[in-house]
Protein backbone atom coordinates (compact mmCIF):
# COMPACT_ATOMS: atom_id res chain seq x y z
CA MET A 1 -26.04 -9.37 -29.02
CA ASN A 2 -23.17 -7.11 -28.32
CA ASN A 3 -21.18 -7.58 -25.08
CA VAL A 4 -21.36 -4.51 -22.89
CA GLY A 5 -18.94 -3.28 -20.26
CA VAL A 6 -17.41 -0.12 -18.65
CA LEU A 7 -15.32 1.98 -20.83
CA GLY A 8 -14.76 4.95 -18.41
CA LEU A 9 -15.43 5.73 -14.86
CA GLY A 10 -15.65 8.99 -13.06
CA THR A 11 -16.81 10.29 -9.48
CA TYR A 12 -17.25 13.49 -7.60
CA VAL A 13 -17.95 14.33 -3.99
CA PRO A 14 -18.17 17.80 -2.43
CA GLU A 15 -15.28 19.17 -0.41
CA LYS A 16 -17.22 19.74 2.79
CA VAL A 17 -16.79 16.95 5.34
CA PHE A 18 -19.25 16.59 8.02
CA THR A 19 -18.17 14.17 10.72
CA ASN A 20 -19.99 12.18 13.49
CA GLU A 21 -18.44 14.75 15.99
CA ASP A 22 -20.18 17.53 13.97
CA PHE A 23 -23.53 15.71 14.60
CA GLU A 24 -22.89 15.49 18.26
CA LYS A 25 -23.14 19.23 18.43
CA ILE A 26 -26.61 19.29 16.78
CA LEU A 27 -28.33 15.99 17.82
CA ASP A 28 -28.49 13.79 20.80
CA THR A 29 -26.14 11.27 19.33
CA SER A 30 -22.48 10.07 19.61
CA ASP A 31 -19.69 8.99 17.39
CA GLU A 32 -19.62 5.72 19.05
CA TRP A 33 -23.36 5.06 18.37
CA ILE A 34 -23.20 6.11 14.70
CA THR A 35 -20.11 4.14 13.98
CA GLU A 36 -21.40 1.08 15.84
CA MET A 37 -25.00 1.11 14.16
CA THR A 38 -23.92 2.15 10.65
CA GLY A 39 -20.13 2.08 10.21
CA ILE A 40 -20.30 5.77 8.98
CA LYS A 41 -17.59 8.17 10.33
CA GLU A 42 -18.12 11.07 7.99
CA ARG A 43 -19.92 12.24 4.87
CA ARG A 44 -19.75 14.93 2.26
CA PHE A 45 -22.24 17.82 2.10
CA ALA A 46 -22.69 20.06 -1.00
CA GLU A 47 -22.86 23.72 -0.44
CA ASP A 48 -26.32 25.37 -0.99
CA ASP A 49 -25.41 26.71 -4.40
CA MET A 50 -24.46 23.24 -5.71
CA ASP A 51 -27.31 21.04 -6.89
CA THR A 52 -27.54 17.44 -8.24
CA SER A 53 -26.77 18.37 -11.81
CA ASP A 54 -23.55 20.07 -10.63
CA LEU A 55 -22.46 16.86 -9.00
CA ALA A 56 -23.52 14.82 -12.08
CA TYR A 57 -21.58 17.04 -14.37
CA GLU A 58 -18.19 16.71 -12.49
CA ALA A 59 -18.48 12.81 -12.46
CA ALA A 60 -19.70 12.58 -16.10
CA LYS A 61 -16.92 14.74 -17.41
CA GLU A 62 -14.36 12.55 -15.68
CA ALA A 63 -15.97 9.36 -17.02
CA ILE A 64 -15.97 10.48 -20.54
CA ASP A 65 -12.33 11.66 -20.24
CA ASN A 66 -11.40 8.29 -18.99
CA SER A 67 -13.20 6.26 -21.57
CA GLY A 68 -11.47 7.38 -24.65
CA VAL A 69 -14.85 8.06 -26.27
CA ALA A 70 -15.35 11.51 -27.80
CA LYS A 71 -18.40 13.23 -26.36
CA GLU A 72 -19.88 13.55 -29.85
CA ASP A 73 -20.11 9.73 -29.69
CA ILE A 74 -22.30 9.46 -26.79
CA ASP A 75 -25.75 8.22 -27.82
CA LEU A 76 -27.75 8.22 -24.70
CA VAL A 77 -27.71 9.95 -21.25
CA ILE A 78 -29.33 8.23 -18.26
CA VAL A 79 -29.17 9.93 -14.75
CA ALA A 80 -30.37 7.89 -11.73
CA THR A 81 -31.43 10.24 -9.03
CA SER A 82 -34.03 10.75 -6.40
CA THR A 83 -33.19 14.47 -5.95
CA GLY A 84 -33.54 16.35 -9.30
CA ASP A 85 -32.60 19.94 -9.35
CA MET A 86 -36.46 20.75 -9.74
CA GLN A 87 -39.49 18.70 -10.82
CA PHE A 88 -38.77 19.17 -14.44
CA PRO A 89 -36.74 19.36 -16.68
CA THR A 90 -34.69 16.27 -15.76
CA VAL A 91 -31.12 16.21 -14.51
CA ALA A 92 -30.17 14.31 -17.55
CA THR A 93 -31.31 17.19 -19.91
CA ILE A 94 -29.51 19.70 -17.85
CA LEU A 95 -26.42 17.51 -17.93
CA GLN A 96 -26.70 17.01 -21.61
CA GLU A 97 -26.76 20.75 -22.31
CA ARG A 98 -23.73 21.40 -19.95
CA LEU A 99 -21.63 18.78 -21.39
CA GLY A 100 -22.29 20.13 -24.83
CA LEU A 101 -23.66 16.92 -26.32
CA ARG A 102 -25.55 16.74 -29.44
CA ASN A 103 -29.42 16.26 -29.41
CA VAL A 104 -29.30 12.75 -27.98
CA PRO A 105 -32.05 11.18 -25.80
CA SER A 106 -31.64 11.97 -22.19
CA MET A 107 -33.84 10.82 -19.27
CA ASP A 108 -33.74 10.41 -15.51
CA GLN A 109 -34.35 7.06 -13.84
CA LEU A 110 -35.83 6.85 -10.45
CA ALA A 111 -35.32 3.69 -8.48
CA ALA A 112 -33.89 5.41 -5.27
CA CYS A 113 -30.65 3.80 -4.01
CA THR A 114 -31.03 0.99 -6.78
CA GLY A 115 -31.02 3.71 -9.31
CA PHE A 116 -27.53 3.05 -10.70
CA ILE A 117 -28.10 -0.49 -11.13
CA TYR A 118 -31.24 0.21 -13.01
CA GLY A 119 -29.57 2.80 -15.08
CA VAL A 120 -26.66 0.55 -16.20
CA VAL A 121 -29.00 -2.40 -17.10
CA THR A 122 -31.20 0.00 -19.17
CA GLY A 123 -28.39 1.49 -20.90
CA ALA A 124 -26.75 -1.89 -21.69
CA GLN A 125 -29.96 -3.10 -23.51
CA PHE A 126 -29.60 -0.27 -25.98
CA ILE A 127 -26.02 -1.34 -26.73
CA GLN A 128 -26.72 -5.09 -26.75
CA THR A 129 -29.36 -4.61 -29.45
CA GLY A 130 -27.20 -2.43 -31.60
CA THR A 131 -29.41 0.54 -31.12
CA TYR A 132 -26.67 2.72 -29.51
CA ARG A 133 -22.94 2.39 -29.16
CA HIS A 134 -22.15 4.52 -26.12
CA VAL A 135 -24.34 5.27 -23.23
CA LEU A 136 -23.38 7.62 -20.35
CA VAL A 137 -25.07 6.49 -16.98
CA VAL A 138 -24.83 8.65 -13.91
CA GLY A 139 -25.90 8.06 -10.37
CA ALA A 140 -26.06 11.34 -8.45
CA ASP A 141 -27.90 12.64 -5.41
CA LYS A 142 -27.98 15.57 -3.15
CA LEU A 143 -29.56 13.95 -0.23
CA THR A 144 -29.00 16.85 2.13
CA LYS A 145 -31.88 18.56 0.27
CA ILE A 146 -34.28 15.97 1.55
CA THR A 147 -32.72 15.04 5.01
CA ASP A 148 -34.40 16.19 8.24
CA PHE A 149 -31.53 17.14 10.37
CA SER A 150 -33.74 16.86 13.35
CA ASP A 151 -34.50 13.16 12.90
CA ARG A 152 -31.63 11.24 14.58
CA SER A 153 -32.64 7.93 12.97
CA THR A 154 -32.01 9.14 9.40
CA ALA A 155 -29.90 12.45 9.55
CA VAL A 156 -26.60 10.68 10.36
CA LEU A 157 -26.91 8.36 7.39
CA PHE A 158 -26.78 10.51 4.25
CA GLY A 159 -24.15 12.34 2.08
CA ASP A 160 -23.93 13.90 -1.39
CA GLY A 161 -22.09 12.65 -4.31
CA ALA A 162 -22.07 11.28 -7.98
CA GLY A 163 -20.64 8.59 -9.97
CA ALA A 164 -20.69 7.81 -13.75
CA VAL A 165 -19.71 5.24 -16.32
CA VAL A 166 -19.57 5.26 -20.12
CA LEU A 167 -20.88 1.90 -21.33
CA GLY A 168 -19.84 0.42 -24.67
CA GLU A 169 -19.02 -2.72 -26.54
CA VAL A 170 -16.25 -4.91 -24.99
CA GLU A 171 -14.50 -8.13 -25.89
CA GLU A 172 -16.28 -11.38 -24.94
CA GLU A 173 -14.40 -12.25 -21.70
CA TYR A 174 -15.49 -8.78 -20.14
CA GLY A 175 -18.51 -6.90 -19.37
CA ILE A 176 -21.98 -7.72 -17.88
CA LYS A 177 -22.63 -11.34 -17.53
CA SER A 178 -25.98 -11.25 -15.84
CA PHE A 179 -28.36 -9.12 -13.80
CA ASP A 180 -31.44 -9.26 -11.56
CA LEU A 181 -34.01 -6.42 -10.91
CA GLY A 182 -37.00 -6.49 -8.72
CA SER A 183 -39.51 -4.42 -6.64
CA ASN A 184 -42.10 -4.94 -4.08
CA GLY A 185 -44.39 -1.99 -3.71
CA GLN A 186 -45.86 -3.32 -0.52
CA GLY A 187 -42.81 -2.15 1.15
CA GLY A 188 -43.09 1.48 -0.19
CA PRO A 189 -44.35 2.87 3.26
CA TYR A 190 -41.07 1.75 4.86
CA LEU A 191 -38.79 4.21 2.99
CA TYR A 192 -40.27 7.24 1.26
CA GLY A 193 -39.90 10.84 0.47
CA ASP A 194 -42.81 12.69 2.53
CA GLU A 195 -44.30 15.28 0.09
CA SER A 196 -46.25 16.85 3.01
CA ASP A 197 -42.94 17.57 4.64
CA GLY A 198 -40.74 19.01 1.88
CA GLY A 199 -39.92 15.66 0.45
CA ASN A 200 -37.92 14.63 3.41
CA ILE A 201 -36.69 11.08 3.92
CA ARG A 202 -38.82 8.80 6.29
CA MET A 203 -37.84 5.36 7.04
CA ASN A 204 -38.97 2.27 9.14
CA GLY A 205 -35.43 1.24 9.92
CA ARG A 206 -36.36 -2.13 11.29
CA GLU A 207 -38.38 -3.21 8.29
CA VAL A 208 -35.85 -1.73 5.79
CA PHE A 209 -33.02 -3.55 7.63
CA LYS A 210 -34.79 -7.00 7.27
CA PHE A 211 -35.66 -6.55 3.67
CA ALA A 212 -32.13 -5.39 2.77
CA VAL A 213 -30.42 -8.15 4.65
CA ARG A 214 -32.51 -10.67 2.78
CA GLN A 215 -32.78 -9.14 -0.65
CA MET A 216 -29.12 -8.09 -1.01
CA GLY A 217 -27.91 -11.58 -0.26
CA GLU A 218 -30.51 -13.33 -2.51
CA SER A 219 -30.04 -11.13 -5.55
CA SER A 220 -26.16 -11.59 -5.29
CA ILE A 221 -26.53 -15.18 -5.40
CA ILE A 222 -28.97 -15.17 -8.33
CA VAL A 223 -26.78 -13.17 -10.60
CA THR A 224 -23.73 -15.20 -9.72
CA GLU A 225 -25.62 -18.42 -10.63
CA LYS A 226 -27.06 -16.73 -13.74
CA ALA A 227 -23.58 -16.00 -14.85
CA GLY A 228 -22.51 -19.60 -14.49
CA LEU A 229 -20.12 -18.80 -11.60
CA SER A 230 -19.68 -19.85 -8.07
CA THR A 231 -18.97 -17.64 -5.02
CA ASP A 232 -15.39 -18.76 -5.36
CA ASP A 233 -15.16 -16.93 -8.72
CA ILE A 234 -16.21 -13.65 -7.29
CA ASP A 235 -13.28 -11.20 -6.70
CA ARG A 236 -15.20 -8.32 -5.31
CA LEU A 237 -18.63 -7.62 -3.84
CA VAL A 238 -19.72 -3.93 -4.29
CA PRO A 239 -22.82 -3.37 -2.22
CA HIS A 240 -24.79 -0.29 -1.90
CA GLN A 241 -23.13 1.64 0.88
CA ALA A 242 -26.14 1.92 3.30
CA ASN A 243 -25.19 0.40 6.41
CA ILE A 244 -22.14 -1.71 7.24
CA ARG A 245 -24.28 -4.36 8.98
CA ILE A 246 -26.43 -4.79 5.97
CA MET A 247 -23.51 -4.96 3.74
CA ASN A 248 -21.76 -7.66 5.94
CA ALA A 249 -24.94 -9.68 5.90
CA ALA A 250 -24.94 -9.83 2.22
CA ARG A 251 -21.29 -10.71 2.05
CA GLU A 252 -21.78 -13.62 4.60
CA ARG A 253 -24.74 -14.84 2.72
CA MET A 254 -22.39 -15.27 -0.28
CA ASP A 255 -19.77 -16.77 1.99
CA LEU A 256 -17.22 -14.27 1.08
CA PRO A 257 -14.37 -13.11 3.33
CA PRO A 258 -14.34 -9.46 4.56
CA GLU A 259 -11.44 -8.51 2.29
CA LYS A 260 -13.58 -9.22 -0.82
CA MET A 261 -16.15 -6.51 0.06
CA SER A 262 -15.83 -2.98 -0.95
CA SER A 263 -16.59 -0.57 1.82
CA THR A 264 -16.69 3.32 1.57
CA VAL A 265 -19.57 3.88 3.90
CA ASP A 266 -17.10 5.23 6.49
CA LYS A 267 -16.07 7.93 4.30
CA TYR A 268 -19.14 8.93 2.40
CA GLY A 269 -22.18 7.44 4.22
CA ASN A 270 -25.15 6.55 2.17
CA THR A 271 -24.94 8.55 -1.26
CA SER A 272 -27.94 6.76 -2.74
CA ALA A 273 -27.56 6.20 -6.42
CA ALA A 274 -23.87 7.32 -6.20
CA SER A 275 -22.61 4.93 -3.73
CA ILE A 276 -21.74 1.80 -5.96
CA PRO A 277 -19.78 3.78 -8.65
CA LEU A 278 -18.12 5.72 -5.78
CA SER A 279 -16.95 2.43 -4.31
CA ILE A 280 -15.89 1.05 -7.52
CA HIS A 281 -13.78 4.04 -8.21
CA HIS A 282 -12.11 3.85 -4.80
CA ASP A 283 -11.22 0.29 -5.30
CA VAL A 284 -9.78 0.75 -8.76
CA LYS A 285 -7.60 3.62 -7.52
CA ASN A 286 -6.33 1.45 -4.70
CA GLY A 287 -5.68 -1.61 -6.95
CA ARG A 288 -8.51 -3.72 -5.35
CA ILE A 289 -10.17 -4.06 -8.67
CA LYS A 290 -8.30 -5.06 -11.63
CA SER A 291 -8.99 -5.99 -15.27
CA GLY A 292 -10.36 -9.41 -15.40
CA ASP A 293 -11.95 -9.38 -11.83
CA ASN A 294 -15.32 -10.76 -11.48
CA LEU A 295 -17.57 -8.19 -9.48
CA ILE A 296 -21.14 -8.28 -7.95
CA LEU A 297 -22.71 -5.00 -7.77
CA VAL A 298 -25.85 -5.16 -5.61
CA GLY A 299 -28.14 -2.44 -4.02
CA PHE A 300 -31.64 -1.86 -2.62
CA GLY A 301 -33.80 1.30 -2.24
CA GLY A 302 -37.23 2.95 -1.83
CA GLY A 303 -40.07 1.29 -3.68
CA LEU A 304 -38.94 -1.17 -2.21
CA THR A 305 -36.49 -1.90 -5.19
CA TRP A 306 -33.48 -4.07 -5.49
CA GLY A 307 -30.95 -5.10 -8.36
CA SER A 308 -27.74 -6.61 -8.94
CA ILE A 309 -25.25 -7.17 -11.77
CA CYS A 310 -22.41 -9.65 -12.32
CA LEU A 311 -19.78 -8.25 -14.52
CA THR A 312 -16.12 -8.95 -15.46
CA TRP A 313 -14.04 -5.62 -15.07
CA GLY A 314 -12.32 -4.39 -18.23
CA SER A 315 -12.77 -4.13 -21.99
CA ASN A 316 -10.12 -4.88 -24.45
CA LYS A 317 -7.44 -2.90 -22.62
CA GLU A 318 -5.43 -3.38 -19.51
CA GLU A 319 -6.00 0.11 -18.02
CA THR A 320 -8.37 0.60 -15.17
CA HIS A 321 -10.79 2.87 -16.76
CA GLY A 322 -10.05 5.79 -14.44
């Protein structure tokens, strides 16, 4: 079985910044309340003429450029998203055409905010078995399309963005060491897109909070143990950026200090499938993730779904993969 890791990484966020103070003008809320409850200070909103495939394209292009892999050598495209441009065709096929890729298989993967984890695990299986050599995985969402801006409990949470990786074979000491995926359909009514209301996000915040606090911590511990590591061996926890209180609960469950947790929720809010790659990219750029570091990526989302990956950052090179 081939050892699979990240060869290249890319991200994109729209230019428009929407702050908590901007929400104070349209909702009965405050910067203090939003910050205390969520950790969010601002988020990025895409313009009306920019859709999910546009976000995905910018991130994917950067990931391919940073990977050293020619686009002609991409064998599979996976896009994790809950906000496709339209019902069909998929964002993945739109992206494939725009990137000028040859006629490779392309598919969307829907696991809500856990989508990027599901996409990476799916792509890795094809490489491990030798079916494909290079897989492009993108997490992209334009959540402002399905946000009810009159609902104070959800409107302040979400932003738009995209993150992408090129997966390929890496040397033995690097790459994915273990993963954990799961779902519990009984929790579906707690977080969903309401088709009778234009697909807008509806959430039972209390139930989602309880689920996320429990499941993020449990899944992180499971993959650490599967990889034959202890929490002392983990250099960076990269959780889905949903809510700082949920993130800290997962970190505390792993008995990790605050400085070992990636946090970009204050800058981007909850970007769903894009949040984990956005956080990785931010930490790589700032020197907080280096070649040889052991990472735990963990997320949860509608479904209810969850997933985590333990991987060692790097390939056979010392560069930071963008």
